[in-house]
C-alpha atoms as a PDB file:
ATOM      1  CA  LEU A   1      95.004   3.553 -76.683  1.00  0.00           C
ATOM      2  CA  VAL A   2      97.848   3.260 -74.116  1.00  0.00           C
ATOM      3  CA  PHE A   3      98.511   0.022 -72.252  1.00  0.00           C
ATOM      4  CA  SER A   4     101.240  -1.784 -70.135  1.00  0.00           C
ATOM      5  CA  ALA A   5     102.761  -4.916 -71.280  1.00  0.00           C
ATOM      6  CA  ARG A   6     105.774  -7.116 -70.359  1.00  0.00           C
ATOM      7  CA  SER A   7     108.933  -6.502 -72.599  1.00  0.00           C
ATOM      8  CA  GLY A   8     111.848  -8.662 -71.546  1.00  0.00           C
ATOM      9  CA  GLN A   9     112.337  -8.236 -67.725  1.00  0.00           C
ATOM     10  CA  ARG A  10     110.434  -4.902 -67.606  1.00  0.00           C
ATOM     11  CA  TRP A  11     106.947  -3.591 -68.044  1.00  0.00           C
ATOM     12  CA  ARG A  12     106.700  -0.961 -70.782  1.00  0.00           C
ATOM     13  CA  LEU A  13     104.102   1.474 -71.864  1.00  0.00           C
ATOM     14  CA  TRP A  14     102.736   1.182 -75.537  1.00  0.00           C
ATOM     15  CA  ARG A  15     100.413   3.301 -77.634  1.00  0.00           C
ATOM     16  CA  MET A  16      98.466   2.092 -80.634  1.00  0.00           C
ATOM     17  CA  ARG A  17      95.436   2.934 -82.790  1.00  0.00           C
ATOM     18  CA  TRP A  18      92.137   1.607 -81.846  1.00  0.00           C
ATOM     19  CA  ASP A  19      92.375  -0.784 -84.768  1.00  0.00           C
ATOM     20  CA  GLY A  20      95.612  -2.261 -83.343  1.00  0.00           C
ATOM     21  CA  THR A  21      97.949  -0.611 -85.778  1.00  0.00           C
ATOM     22  CA  ALA A  22     100.920   1.803 -85.258  1.00  0.00           C
ATOM     23  CA  ARG A  23     102.139   0.202 -81.929  1.00  0.00           C
ATOM     24  CA  ALA A  24     104.957   2.297 -80.440  1.00  0.00           C
ATOM     25  CA  PRO A  25     106.556   2.658 -77.051  1.00  0.00           C
ATOM     26  CA  VAL A  26     105.701   5.557 -74.766  1.00  0.00           C
ATOM     27  CA  GLY A  27     108.050   6.857 -72.033  1.00  0.00           C
ATOM     28  CA  GLY A  28     109.458   4.839 -69.103  1.00  0.00           C
ATOM     29  CA  ARG A  29     112.597   3.809 -70.582  1.00  0.00           C
ATOM     30  CA  GLY A  30     114.713   1.673 -68.202  1.00  0.00           C
ATOM     31  CA  LEU A  31     111.815   1.573 -65.660  1.00  0.00           C
ATOM     32  CA  ASP A  32     108.888  -0.679 -65.016  1.00  0.00           C
ATOM     33  CA  ALA A  33     105.949   1.393 -66.328  1.00  0.00           C
ATOM     34  CA  MET A  34     102.527   0.496 -65.241  1.00  0.00           C
ATOM     35  CA  ALA A  35      98.904   1.854 -64.632  1.00  0.00           C
ATOM     36  CA  PRO A  36      98.766   4.338 -67.479  1.00  0.00           C
ATOM     37  CA  SER A  37      95.974   6.984 -67.700  1.00  0.00           C
ATOM     38  CA  ILE A  38      95.551   9.340 -70.652  1.00  0.00           C
ATOM     39  CA  SER A  39      94.796  13.095 -70.134  1.00  0.00           C
ATOM     40  CA  PRO A  40      91.347  14.298 -71.227  1.00  0.00           C
ATOM     41  CA  ASP A  41      92.968  16.183 -74.193  1.00  0.00           C
ATOM     42  CA  GLY A  42      94.921  12.913 -75.242  1.00  0.00           C
ATOM     43  CA  LEU A  43      98.267  14.778 -75.137  1.00  0.00           C
ATOM     44  CA  PHE A  44      99.782  13.147 -71.958  1.00  0.00           C
ATOM     45  CA  VAL A  45      99.934   9.927 -70.140  1.00  0.00           C
ATOM     46  CA  VAL A  46     100.430   9.659 -66.388  1.00  0.00           C
ATOM     47  CA  PHE A  47     101.812   6.393 -65.147  1.00  0.00           C
ATOM     48  CA  VAL A  48     103.526   4.675 -62.231  1.00  0.00           C
ATOM     49  CA  ALA A  49     107.173   3.966 -62.744  1.00  0.00           C
ATOM     50  CA  SER A  50     109.463   1.764 -60.598  1.00  0.00           C
ATOM     51  CA  GLN A  51     113.262   1.230 -61.086  1.00  0.00           C
ATOM     52  CA  GLN A  52     113.630  -0.657 -57.721  1.00  0.00           C
ATOM     53  CA  PRO A  53     110.446  -2.247 -56.563  1.00  0.00           C
ATOM     54  CA  PRO A  54     108.706  -1.551 -54.254  1.00  0.00           C
ATOM     55  CA  HIS A  55     109.233   2.193 -54.739  1.00  0.00           C
ATOM     56  CA  ARG A  56     106.627   3.461 -57.213  1.00  0.00           C
ATOM     57  CA  LEU A  57     106.800   6.980 -58.477  1.00  0.00           C
ATOM     58  CA  LEU A  58     104.383   9.017 -60.543  1.00  0.00           C
ATOM     59  CA  ARG A  59     105.550  10.251 -63.878  1.00  0.00           C
ATOM     60  CA  VAL A  60     103.952  12.043 -66.863  1.00  0.00           C
ATOM     61  CA  ALA A  61     104.972  11.650 -70.573  1.00  0.00           C
ATOM     62  CA  ALA A  62     103.912  13.134 -73.913  1.00  0.00           C
ATOM     63  CA  SER A  63     101.633  10.422 -75.479  1.00  0.00           C
ATOM     64  CA  ALA A  64     103.237  11.004 -78.856  1.00  0.00           C
ATOM     65  CA  GLY A  65     106.870  10.708 -77.816  1.00  0.00           C
ATOM     66  CA  ASP A  66     109.495  10.123 -75.185  1.00  0.00           C
ATOM     67  CA  ALA A  67     109.543  13.345 -73.197  1.00  0.00           C
ATOM     68  CA  GLU A  68     108.606  12.532 -69.634  1.00  0.00           C
ATOM     69  CA  VAL A  69     109.025  14.138 -66.246  1.00  0.00           C
ATOM     70  CA  LEU A  70     108.903  12.854 -62.657  1.00  0.00           C
ATOM     71  CA  LEU A  71     106.073  14.552 -60.888  1.00  0.00           C
ATOM     72  CA  PRO A  72     107.513  16.164 -57.685  1.00  0.00           C
ATOM     73  CA  LEU A  73     105.219  14.403 -55.113  1.00  0.00           C
ATOM     74  CA  GLU A  74     106.237  12.765 -51.858  1.00  0.00           C
ATOM     75  CA  GLY A  75     105.293   9.078 -51.178  1.00  0.00           C
ATOM     76  CA  GLU A  76     104.444   6.191 -53.391  1.00  0.00           C
ATOM     77  CA  ALA A  77     102.051   6.101 -56.282  1.00  0.00           C
ATOM     78  CA  ASP A  78      99.383   3.721 -57.541  1.00  0.00           C
ATOM     79  CA  SER A  79      96.633   3.712 -60.174  1.00  0.00           C
ATOM     80  CA  PRO A  80      96.702   7.378 -61.211  1.00  0.00           C
ATOM     81  CA  VAL A  81      93.650   9.087 -62.948  1.00  0.00           C
ATOM     82  CA  TRP A  82      93.133  12.524 -64.457  1.00  0.00           C
END
């Protein structure tokens, strides 16, 4: 399960097991990270990241770690799905 929750002044992505255990951060460090969507194979999370609102960029991260990349798309992002 991956979700977005407020952490201090920013929105962060978190992952946890279905029973609520093993909560850990996922990507988006230093950014507001919202609207996560897990890939069909469960290996990646695509999400909307914003460092300076209202600019919202699409990023993808490994669901089990911190590796993430900015997807090279023009324009703004909102509510990604696989």
